[in-house]
PDB file of N, CA and C in Angstrom:
ATOM      1  N   MET A   1       0.860  -1.183   0.004  1.00  0.00           N
ATOM      2  CA  MET A   1      -0.005   0.000   0.012  1.00  0.00           C
ATOM      3  C   MET A   1       0.890   1.247  -0.019  1.00  0.00           C
ATOM      4  N   GLN A   2       0.579   2.193  -0.832  1.00  0.00           N
ATOM      5  CA  GLN A   2       1.305   3.455  -0.910  1.00  0.00           C
ATOM      6  C   GLN A   2       0.413   4.593  -0.447  1.00  0.00           C
ATOM      7  N   LEU A   3       0.911   5.541   0.308  1.00  0.00           N
ATOM      8  CA  LEU A   3       0.167   6.735   0.707  1.00  0.00           C
ATOM      9  C   LEU A   3       0.888   7.931   0.202  1.00  0.00           C
ATOM     10  N   PHE A   4       0.095   8.925  -0.136  1.00  0.00           N
ATOM     11  CA  PHE A   4       0.760  10.196  -0.556  1.00  0.00           C
ATOM     12  C   PHE A   4       0.227  11.313   0.377  1.00  0.00           C
ATOM     13  N   ILE A   5       1.161  11.919   1.077  1.00  0.00           N
ATOM     14  CA  ILE A   5       0.819  12.964   2.028  1.00  0.00           C
ATOM     15  C   ILE A   5       1.615  14.161   1.628  1.00  0.00           C
ATOM     16  N   HIS A   6       0.996  15.238   1.243  1.00  0.00           N
ATOM     17  CA  HIS A   6       1.669  16.493   0.835  1.00  0.00           C
ATOM     18  C   HIS A   6       2.747  16.178  -0.277  1.00  0.00           C
ATOM     19  N   ASP A   7       2.413  15.424  -1.227  1.00  0.00           N
ATOM     20  CA  ASP A   7       3.279  15.035  -2.388  1.00  0.00           C
ATOM     21  C   ASP A   7       4.453  14.219  -1.921  1.00  0.00           C
ATOM     22  N   HIS A   8       4.473  13.661  -0.788  1.00  0.00           N
ATOM     23  CA  HIS A   8       5.524  12.778  -0.345  1.00  0.00           C
ATOM     24  C   HIS A   8       5.047  11.293  -0.372  1.00  0.00           C
ATOM     25  N   GLN A   9       5.801  10.419  -0.888  1.00  0.00           N
ATOM     26  CA  GLN A   9       5.438   9.028  -0.914  1.00  0.00           C
ATOM     27  C   GLN A   9       5.916   8.355   0.331  1.00  0.00           C
ATOM     28  N   ILE A  10       4.963   7.649   1.022  1.00  0.00           N
ATOM     29  CA  ILE A  10       5.320   6.877   2.218  1.00  0.00           C
ATOM     30  C   ILE A  10       4.869   5.517   2.099  1.00  0.00           C
ATOM     31  N   ASN A  11       5.718   4.553   2.268  1.00  0.00           N
ATOM     32  CA  ASN A  11       5.222   3.138   2.150  1.00  0.00           C
ATOM     33  C   ASN A  11       4.594   2.750   3.492  1.00  0.00           C
ATOM     34  N   GLN A  12       3.841   1.629   3.443  1.00  0.00           N
ATOM     35  CA  GLN A  12       3.028   1.236   4.627  1.00  0.00           C
ATOM     36  C   GLN A  12       3.874   0.987   5.847  1.00  0.00           C
ATOM     37  N   ASN A  13       5.070   0.325   5.657  1.00  0.00           N
ATOM     38  CA  ASN A  13       5.876   0.014   6.838  1.00  0.00           C
ATOM     39  C   ASN A  13       6.388   1.252   7.588  1.00  0.00           C
ATOM     40  N   GLU A  14       6.799   2.284   6.828  1.00  0.00           N
ATOM     41  CA  GLU A  14       7.220   3.540   7.555  1.00  0.00           C
ATOM     42  C   GLU A  14       6.028   4.182   8.234  1.00  0.00           C
ATOM     43  N   PHE A  15       4.842   4.102   7.601  1.00  0.00           N
ATOM     44  CA  PHE A  15       3.691   4.717   8.241  1.00  0.00           C
ATOM     45  C   PHE A  15       3.334   4.036   9.541  1.00  0.00           C
ATOM     46  N   VAL A  16       3.341   2.761   9.541  1.00  0.00           N
ATOM     47  CA  VAL A  16       2.980   2.008  10.747  1.00  0.00           C
ATOM     48  C   VAL A  16       4.002   2.200  11.840  1.00  0.00           C
ATOM     49  N   CYS A  17       5.296   2.303  11.502  1.00  0.00           N
ATOM     50  CA  CYS A  17       6.245   2.584  12.577  1.00  0.00           C
ATOM     51  C   CYS A  17       6.060   4.000  13.157  1.00  0.00           C
ATOM     52  N   GLN A  18       5.661   4.894  12.388  1.00  0.00           N
ATOM     53  CA  GLN A  18       5.401   6.261  12.857  1.00  0.00           C
ATOM     54  C   GLN A  18       4.175   6.275  13.818  1.00  0.00           C
ATOM     55  N   ILE A  19       3.166   5.498  13.442  1.00  0.00           N
ATOM     56  CA  ILE A  19       1.983   5.446  14.362  1.00  0.00           C
ATOM     57  C   ILE A  19       2.268   4.714  15.658  1.00  0.00           C
ATOM     58  N   ASN A  20       3.077   3.661  15.624  1.00  0.00           N
ATOM     59  CA  ASN A  20       3.369   2.947  16.870  1.00  0.00           C
ATOM     60  C   ASN A  20       4.335   3.542  17.766  1.00  0.00           C
ATOM     61  N   THR A  21       4.963   4.686  17.344  1.00  0.00           N
ATOM     62  CA  THR A  21       5.865   5.442  18.275  1.00  0.00           C
ATOM     63  C   THR A  21       5.072   6.391  19.051  1.00  0.00           C
ATOM     64  N   TYR A  22       5.199   6.262  20.430  1.00  0.00           N
ATOM     65  CA  TYR A  22       4.415   7.100  21.306  1.00  0.00           C
ATOM     66  C   TYR A  22       5.094   8.474  21.433  1.00  0.00           C
ATOM     67  N   PRO A  23       4.267   9.567  21.459  1.00  0.00           N
ATOM     68  CA  PRO A  23       4.763  10.909  21.634  1.00  0.00           C
ATOM     69  C   PRO A  23       4.965  11.220  23.079  1.00  0.00           C
ATOM     70  N   TYR A  24       5.965  10.622  23.749  1.00  0.00           N
ATOM     71  CA  TYR A  24       6.129  10.811  25.206  1.00  0.00           C
ATOM     72  C   TYR A  24       6.228  12.286  25.497  1.00  0.00           C
ATOM     73  N   HIS A  25       7.010  13.070  24.757  1.00  0.00           N
ATOM     74  CA  HIS A  25       7.195  14.485  25.033  1.00  0.00           C
ATOM     75  C   HIS A  25       5.898  15.228  24.930  1.00  0.00           C
ATOM     76  N   ALA A  26       5.128  14.988  23.888  1.00  0.00           N
ATOM     77  CA  ALA A  26       3.890  15.620  23.641  1.00  0.00           C
ATOM     78  C   ALA A  26       2.880  15.416  24.762  1.00  0.00           C
ATOM     79  N   ILE A  27       2.831  14.165  25.277  1.00  0.00           N
ATOM     80  CA  ILE A  27       1.895  13.791  26.354  1.00  0.00           C
ATOM     81  C   ILE A  27       2.323  14.545  27.604  1.00  0.00           C
ATOM     82  N   ARG A  28       3.684  14.603  27.877  1.00  0.00           N
ATOM     83  CA  ARG A  28       4.155  15.302  29.063  1.00  0.00           C
ATOM     84  C   ARG A  28       3.863  16.689  28.946  1.00  0.00           C
ATOM     85  N   ILE A  29       3.956  17.353  27.804  1.00  0.00           N
ATOM     86  CA  ILE A  29       3.658  18.744  27.605  1.00  0.00           C
ATOM     87  C   ILE A  29       2.166  19.007  27.895  1.00  0.00           C
ATOM     88  N   LEU A  30       1.216  18.060  27.372  1.00  0.00           N
ATOM     89  CA  LEU A  30      -0.164  18.257  27.693  1.00  0.00           C
ATOM     90  C   LEU A  30      -0.480  18.139  29.153  1.00  0.00           C
ATOM     91  N   GLU A  31       0.229  17.279  29.868  1.00  0.00           N
ATOM     92  CA  GLU A  31       0.077  17.107  31.322  1.00  0.00           C
ATOM     93  C   GLU A  31       0.489  18.414  32.012  1.00  0.00           C
ATOM     94  N   ILE A  32       1.604  19.028  31.666  1.00  0.00           N
ATOM     95  CA  ILE A  32       2.066  20.191  32.272  1.00  0.00           C
ATOM     96  C   ILE A  32       1.130  21.332  32.015  1.00  0.00           C
ATOM     97  N   LEU A  33       0.674  21.500  30.708  1.00  0.00           N
ATOM     98  CA  LEU A  33      -0.294  22.545  30.426  1.00  0.00           C
ATOM     99  C   LEU A  33      -1.553  22.429  31.183  1.00  0.00           C
ATOM    100  N   LEU A  34      -2.063  21.219  31.317  1.00  0.00           N
ATOM    101  CA  LEU A  34      -3.331  20.974  32.085  1.00  0.00           C
ATOM    102  C   LEU A  34      -3.123  21.468  33.556  1.00  0.00           C
ATOM    103  N   LYS A  35      -2.039  21.080  34.151  1.00  0.00           N
ATOM    104  CA  LYS A  35      -1.796  21.462  35.570  1.00  0.00           C
ATOM    105  C   LYS A  35      -1.597  22.946  35.703  1.00  0.00           C
ATOM    106  N   ARG A  36      -0.801  23.582  34.775  1.00  0.00           N
ATOM    107  CA  ARG A  36      -0.588  25.026  34.833  1.00  0.00           C
ATOM    108  C   ARG A  36      -1.882  25.854  34.552  1.00  0.00           C
ATOM    109  N   SER A  37      -2.743  25.341  33.703  1.00  0.00           N
ATOM    110  CA  SER A  37      -3.927  26.122  33.351  1.00  0.00           C
ATOM    111  C   SER A  37      -4.893  26.171  34.542  1.00  0.00           C
ATOM    112  N   ILE A  38      -4.860  25.258  35.489  1.00  0.00           N
ATOM    113  CA  ILE A  38      -5.829  25.271  36.547  1.00  0.00           C
ATOM    114  C   ILE A  38      -5.154  25.410  37.931  1.00  0.00           C
ATOM    115  N   GLN A  39      -3.836  25.754  37.962  1.00  0.00           N
ATOM    116  CA  GLN A  39      -3.076  25.812  39.176  1.00  0.00           C
ATOM    117  C   GLN A  39      -3.688  26.726  40.235  1.00  0.00           C
ATOM    118  N   ASP A  40      -4.336  27.771  39.872  1.00  0.00           N
ATOM    119  CA  ASP A  40      -4.898  28.699  40.826  1.00  0.00           C
ATOM    120  C   ASP A  40      -6.233  28.193  41.448  1.00  0.00           C
ATOM    121  N   ARG A  41      -6.795  27.147  40.832  1.00  0.00           N
ATOM    122  CA  ARG A  41      -8.113  26.652  41.289  1.00  0.00           C
ATOM    123  C   ARG A  41      -7.976  25.349  42.061  1.00  0.00           C
ATOM    124  N   ILE A  42      -6.759  24.734  42.106  1.00  0.00           N
ATOM    125  CA  ILE A  42      -6.726  23.361  42.664  1.00  0.00           C
ATOM    126  C   ILE A  42      -5.587  23.278  43.749  1.00  0.00           C
ATOM    127  N   LYS A  43      -5.736  22.213  44.560  1.00  0.00           N
ATOM    128  CA  LYS A  43      -4.728  21.821  45.454  1.00  0.00           C
ATOM    129  C   LYS A  43      -4.345  20.452  44.963  1.00  0.00           C
ATOM    130  N   ILE A  44      -2.993  20.182  44.829  1.00  0.00           N
ATOM    131  CA  ILE A  44      -2.560  18.881  44.334  1.00  0.00           C
ATOM    132  C   ILE A  44      -2.000  18.069  45.496  1.00  0.00           C
ATOM    133  N   VAL A  45      -2.526  16.899  45.688  1.00  0.00           N
ATOM    134  CA  VAL A  45      -2.059  15.946  46.682  1.00  0.00           C
ATOM    135  C   VAL A  45      -1.733  14.656  45.944  1.00  0.00           C
ATOM    136  N   SER A  46      -0.507  14.267  45.760  1.00  0.00           N
ATOM    137  CA  SER A  46      -0.021  13.215  44.965  1.00  0.00           C
ATOM    138  C   SER A  46      -0.580  13.326  43.550  1.00  0.00           C
ATOM    139  N   ASN A  47      -1.368  12.397  43.003  1.00  0.00           N
ATOM    140  CA  ASN A  47      -1.985  12.519  41.756  1.00  0.00           C
ATOM    141  C   ASN A  47      -3.431  12.859  41.811  1.00  0.00           C
ATOM    142  N   LYS A  48      -3.823  13.457  42.977  1.00  0.00           N
ATOM    143  CA  LYS A  48      -5.192  13.896  43.143  1.00  0.00           C
ATOM    144  C   LYS A  48      -5.265  15.350  43.138  1.00  0.00           C
ATOM    145  N   TYR A  49      -6.326  15.923  42.487  1.00  0.00           N
ATOM    146  CA  TYR A  49      -6.422  17.350  42.365  1.00  0.00           C
ATOM    147  C   TYR A  49      -7.798  17.720  42.911  1.00  0.00           C
ATOM    148  N   TYR A  50      -7.802  18.658  43.820  1.00  0.00           N
ATOM    149  CA  TYR A  50      -9.059  19.149  44.486  1.00  0.00           C
ATOM    150  C   TYR A  50      -9.344  20.624  44.144  1.00  0.00           C
ATOM    151  N   PHE A  51     -10.520  20.882  43.794  1.00  0.00           N
ATOM    152  CA  PHE A  51     -10.911  22.305  43.468  1.00  0.00           C
ATOM    153  C   PHE A  51     -11.201  23.045  44.759  1.00  0.00           C
ATOM    154  N   PHE A  52     -10.472  24.101  45.016  1.00  0.00           N
ATOM    155  CA  PHE A  52     -10.683  24.889  46.195  1.00  0.00           C
ATOM    156  C   PHE A  52     -11.400  26.243  45.928  1.00  0.00           C
ATOM    157  N   ASP A  53     -11.644  26.543  44.644  1.00  0.00           N
ATOM    158  CA  ASP A  53     -12.369  27.769  44.331  1.00  0.00           C
ATOM    159  C   ASP A  53     -13.894  27.483  44.267  1.00  0.00           C
ATOM    160  N   GLU A  54     -14.275  26.208  44.419  1.00  0.00           N
ATOM    161  CA  GLU A  54     -15.684  25.877  44.554  1.00  0.00           C
ATOM    162  C   GLU A  54     -15.999  25.593  45.996  1.00  0.00           C
ATOM    163  N   PRO A  55     -17.215  25.955  46.471  1.00  0.00           N
ATOM    164  CA  PRO A  55     -17.482  25.707  47.886  1.00  0.00           C
ATOM    165  C   PRO A  55     -17.603  24.228  48.215  1.00  0.00           C
ATOM    166  N   SER A  56     -17.161  23.883  49.404  1.00  0.00           N
ATOM    167  CA  SER A  56     -17.291  22.493  49.848  1.00  0.00           C
ATOM    168  C   SER A  56     -18.497  22.331  50.635  1.00  0.00           C
ATOM    169  N   GLU A  57     -19.022  21.127  50.688  1.00  0.00           N
ATOM    170  CA  GLU A  57     -20.221  20.848  51.488  1.00  0.00           C
ATOM    171  C   GLU A  57     -19.757  20.229  52.779  1.00  0.00           C
ATOM    172  N   GLU A  58     -20.105  20.898  53.902  1.00  0.00           N
ATOM    173  CA  GLU A  58     -19.643  20.422  55.234  1.00  0.00           C
ATOM    174  C   GLU A  58     -20.815  19.577  55.865  1.00  0.00           C
ATOM    175  N   PHE A  59     -20.272  18.573  56.603  1.00  0.00           N
ATOM    176  CA  PHE A  59     -21.194  17.566  57.287  1.00  0.00           C
ATOM    177  C   PHE A  59     -20.987  17.821  58.803  1.00  0.00           C
ATOM    178  N   ASN A  60     -21.978  17.336  59.530  1.00  0.00           N
ATOM    179  CA  ASN A  60     -21.972  17.532  61.053  1.00  0.00           C
ATOM    180  C   ASN A  60     -20.816  16.759  61.703  1.00  0.00           C
ATOM    181  N   ASN A  61     -20.284  15.722  61.123  1.00  0.00           N
ATOM    182  CA  ASN A  61     -19.251  14.961  61.741  1.00  0.00           C
ATOM    183  C   ASN A  61     -17.847  15.382  61.491  1.00  0.00           C
ATOM    184  N   GLY A  62     -17.675  16.598  60.953  1.00  0.00           N
ATOM    185  CA  GLY A  62     -16.320  17.136  60.757  1.00  0.00           C
ATOM    186  C   GLY A  62     -15.762  16.878  59.410  1.00  0.00           C
ATOM    187  N   PHE A  63     -16.467  16.140  58.514  1.00  0.00           N
ATOM    188  CA  PHE A  63     -16.039  15.865  57.158  1.00  0.00           C
ATOM    189  C   PHE A  63     -16.560  16.956  56.251  1.00  0.00           C
ATOM    190  N   GLU A  64     -15.899  17.118  55.164  1.00  0.00           N
ATOM    191  CA  GLU A  64     -16.380  17.986  54.079  1.00  0.00           C
ATOM    192  C   GLU A  64     -16.204  17.245  52.802  1.00  0.00           C
ATOM    193  N   LYS A  65     -17.062  17.639  51.843  1.00  0.00           N
ATOM    194  CA  LYS A  65     -17.073  16.978  50.496  1.00  0.00           C
ATOM    195  C   LYS A  65     -16.518  17.981  49.481  1.00  0.00           C
ATOM    196  N   ARG A  66     -15.487  17.578  48.762  1.00  0.00           N
ATOM    197  CA  ARG A  66     -14.820  18.424  47.796  1.00  0.00           C
ATOM    198  C   ARG A  66     -14.813  17.701  46.419  1.00  0.00           C
ATOM    199  N   HIS A  67     -14.971  18.461  45.322  1.00  0.00           N
ATOM    200  CA  HIS A  67     -14.904  17.866  43.991  1.00  0.00           C
ATOM    201  C   HIS A  67     -13.475  17.978  43.411  1.00  0.00           C
ATOM    202  N   GLY A  68     -13.082  17.063  42.614  1.00  0.00           N
ATOM    203  CA  GLY A  68     -11.709  17.066  42.026  1.00  0.00           C
ATOM    204  C   GLY A  68     -11.622  16.005  40.970  1.00  0.00           C
ATOM    205  N   PHE A  69     -10.377  15.653  40.681  1.00  0.00           N
ATOM    206  CA  PHE A  69     -10.114  14.609  39.692  1.00  0.00           C
ATOM    207  C   PHE A  69      -8.784  14.032  39.936  1.00  0.00           C
ATOM    208  N   THR A  70      -8.569  12.845  39.356  1.00  0.00           N
ATOM    209  CA  THR A  70      -7.310  12.218  39.336  1.00  0.00           C
ATOM    210  C   THR A  70      -6.763  12.119  37.917  1.00  0.00           C
ATOM    211  N   GLN A  71      -5.471  12.168  37.791  1.00  0.00           N
ATOM    212  CA  GLN A  71      -4.829  12.142  36.455  1.00  0.00           C
ATOM    213  C   GLN A  71      -3.711  11.204  36.510  1.00  0.00           C
ATOM    214  N   SER A  72      -3.649  10.343  35.486  1.00  0.00           N
ATOM    215  CA  SER A  72      -2.523   9.379  35.387  1.00  0.00           C
ATOM    216  C   SER A  72      -2.000   9.352  33.969  1.00  0.00           C
ATOM    217  N   LEU A  73      -0.810   9.128  33.767  1.00  0.00           N
ATOM    218  CA  LEU A  73      -0.152   9.070  32.435  1.00  0.00           C
ATOM    219  C   LEU A  73       0.130   7.545  32.234  1.00  0.00           C
ATOM    220  N   ASN A  74      -0.677   6.915  31.320  1.00  0.00           N
ATOM    221  CA  ASN A  74      -0.429   5.517  30.990  1.00  0.00           C
ATOM    222  C   ASN A  74      -0.027   5.528  29.472  1.00  0.00           C
ATOM    223  N   LEU A  75       0.756   4.605  29.148  1.00  0.00           N
ATOM    224  CA  LEU A  75       1.124   4.516  27.747  1.00  0.00           C
ATOM    225  C   LEU A  75       0.800   3.106  27.196  1.00  0.00           C
ATOM    226  N   PRO A  76      -0.462   2.746  27.128  1.00  0.00           N
ATOM    227  CA  PRO A  76      -0.863   1.487  26.499  1.00  0.00           C
ATOM    228  C   PRO A  76      -0.725   1.561  25.008  1.00  0.00           C
ATOM    229  N   SER A  77      -0.748   0.400  24.323  1.00  0.00           N
ATOM    230  CA  SER A  77      -0.567   0.380  22.923  1.00  0.00           C
ATOM    231  C   SER A  77      -1.922   0.435  22.110  1.00  0.00           C
ATOM    232  N   ASP A  78      -3.034   0.320  22.850  1.00  0.00           N
ATOM    233  CA  ASP A  78      -4.264   0.260  22.063  1.00  0.00           C
ATOM    234  C   ASP A  78      -5.300   1.404  22.300  1.00  0.00           C
ATOM    235  N   HIS A  79      -4.965   2.392  23.160  1.00  0.00           N
ATOM    236  CA  HIS A  79      -5.867   3.512  23.340  1.00  0.00           C
ATOM    237  C   HIS A  79      -5.192   4.693  23.836  1.00  0.00           C
ATOM    238  N   SER A  80      -5.996   5.763  24.143  1.00  0.00           N
ATOM    239  CA  SER A  80      -5.448   7.036  24.488  1.00  0.00           C
ATOM    240  C   SER A  80      -4.597   6.976  25.771  1.00  0.00           C
ATOM    241  N   PRO A  81      -3.456   7.653  25.849  1.00  0.00           N
ATOM    242  CA  PRO A  81      -2.499   7.525  26.917  1.00  0.00           C
ATOM    243  C   PRO A  81      -2.790   8.387  28.111  1.00  0.00           C
ATOM    244  N   LEU A  82      -3.629   9.447  27.922  1.00  0.00           N
ATOM    245  CA  LEU A  82      -3.873  10.386  29.065  1.00  0.00           C
ATOM    246  C   LEU A  82      -5.219  10.086  29.617  1.00  0.00           C
ATOM    247  N   ASN A  83      -5.264   9.755  30.903  1.00  0.00           N
ATOM    248  CA  ASN A  83      -6.525   9.321  31.595  1.00  0.00           C
ATOM    249  C   ASN A  83      -6.828  10.397  32.632  1.00  0.00           C
ATOM    250  N   ILE A  84      -7.999  10.986  32.577  1.00  0.00           N
ATOM    251  CA  ILE A  84      -8.406  11.914  33.586  1.00  0.00           C
ATOM    252  C   ILE A  84      -9.797  11.434  34.110  1.00  0.00           C
ATOM    253  N   GLN A  85      -9.923  11.271  35.404  1.00  0.00           N
ATOM    254  CA  GLN A  85     -11.159  10.849  35.974  1.00  0.00           C
ATOM    255  C   GLN A  85     -11.664  11.804  37.014  1.00  0.00           C
ATOM    256  N   THR A  86     -12.943  12.067  37.047  1.00  0.00           N
ATOM    257  CA  THR A  86     -13.393  13.010  38.068  1.00  0.00           C
ATOM    258  C   THR A  86     -13.487  12.234  39.383  1.00  0.00           C
ATOM    259  N   LYS A  87     -13.460  13.019  40.469  1.00  0.00           N
ATOM    260  CA  LYS A  87     -13.361  12.474  41.813  1.00  0.00           C
ATOM    261  C   LYS A  87     -14.178  13.228  42.744  1.00  0.00           C
ATOM    262  N   LEU A  88     -14.837  12.553  43.687  1.00  0.00           N
ATOM    263  CA  LEU A  88     -15.547  13.183  44.800  1.00  0.00           C
ATOM    264  C   LEU A  88     -15.019  12.618  46.088  1.00  0.00           C
ATOM    265  N   THR A  89     -14.469  13.538  46.933  1.00  0.00           N
ATOM    266  CA  THR A  89     -13.689  13.075  48.134  1.00  0.00           C
ATOM    267  C   THR A  89     -14.280  13.648  49.357  1.00  0.00           C
ATOM    268  N   PHE A  90     -14.300  12.911  50.358  1.00  0.00           N
ATOM    269  CA  PHE A  90     -14.669  13.337  51.736  1.00  0.00           C
ATOM    270  C   PHE A  90     -13.448  13.559  52.534  1.00  0.00           C
ATOM    271  N   THR A  91     -13.165  14.679  53.150  1.00  0.00           N
ATOM    272  CA  THR A  91     -12.007  14.934  53.964  1.00  0.00           C
ATOM    273  C   THR A  91     -12.435  15.412  55.328  1.00  0.00           C
ATOM    274  N   SER A  92     -11.535  15.216  56.239  1.00  0.00           N
ATOM    275  CA  SER A  92     -11.785  15.734  57.615  1.00  0.00           C
ATOM    276  C   SER A  92     -10.795  16.833  57.924  1.00  0.00           C
ATOM    277  N   GLN A  93     -11.222  17.783  58.676  1.00  0.00           N
ATOM    278  CA  GLN A  93     -10.348  18.906  59.025  1.00  0.00           C
ATOM    279  C   GLN A  93      -9.644  18.623  60.356  1.00  0.00           C
TER     280      GLN A  93
END
């Protein structure tokens, strides 16, 4: 199979090799940009991020409920490498 991209001929083997190479640096840059873009809104504890610009819900037993998310960088071969999940956490003061 031959592909033509911008008038350049690329054979199938070269194309497959390029796809299977993970963009480690690009993923790391995305991770840094994500953290920097929300740094004034969150508190980071390990790989857990809690939003402190949103009000927390306090309970009578000393716990409070905060919204946040977890982020992990995984490099599997069959799907998207950046995983972000929302999180609901109960903390005690």
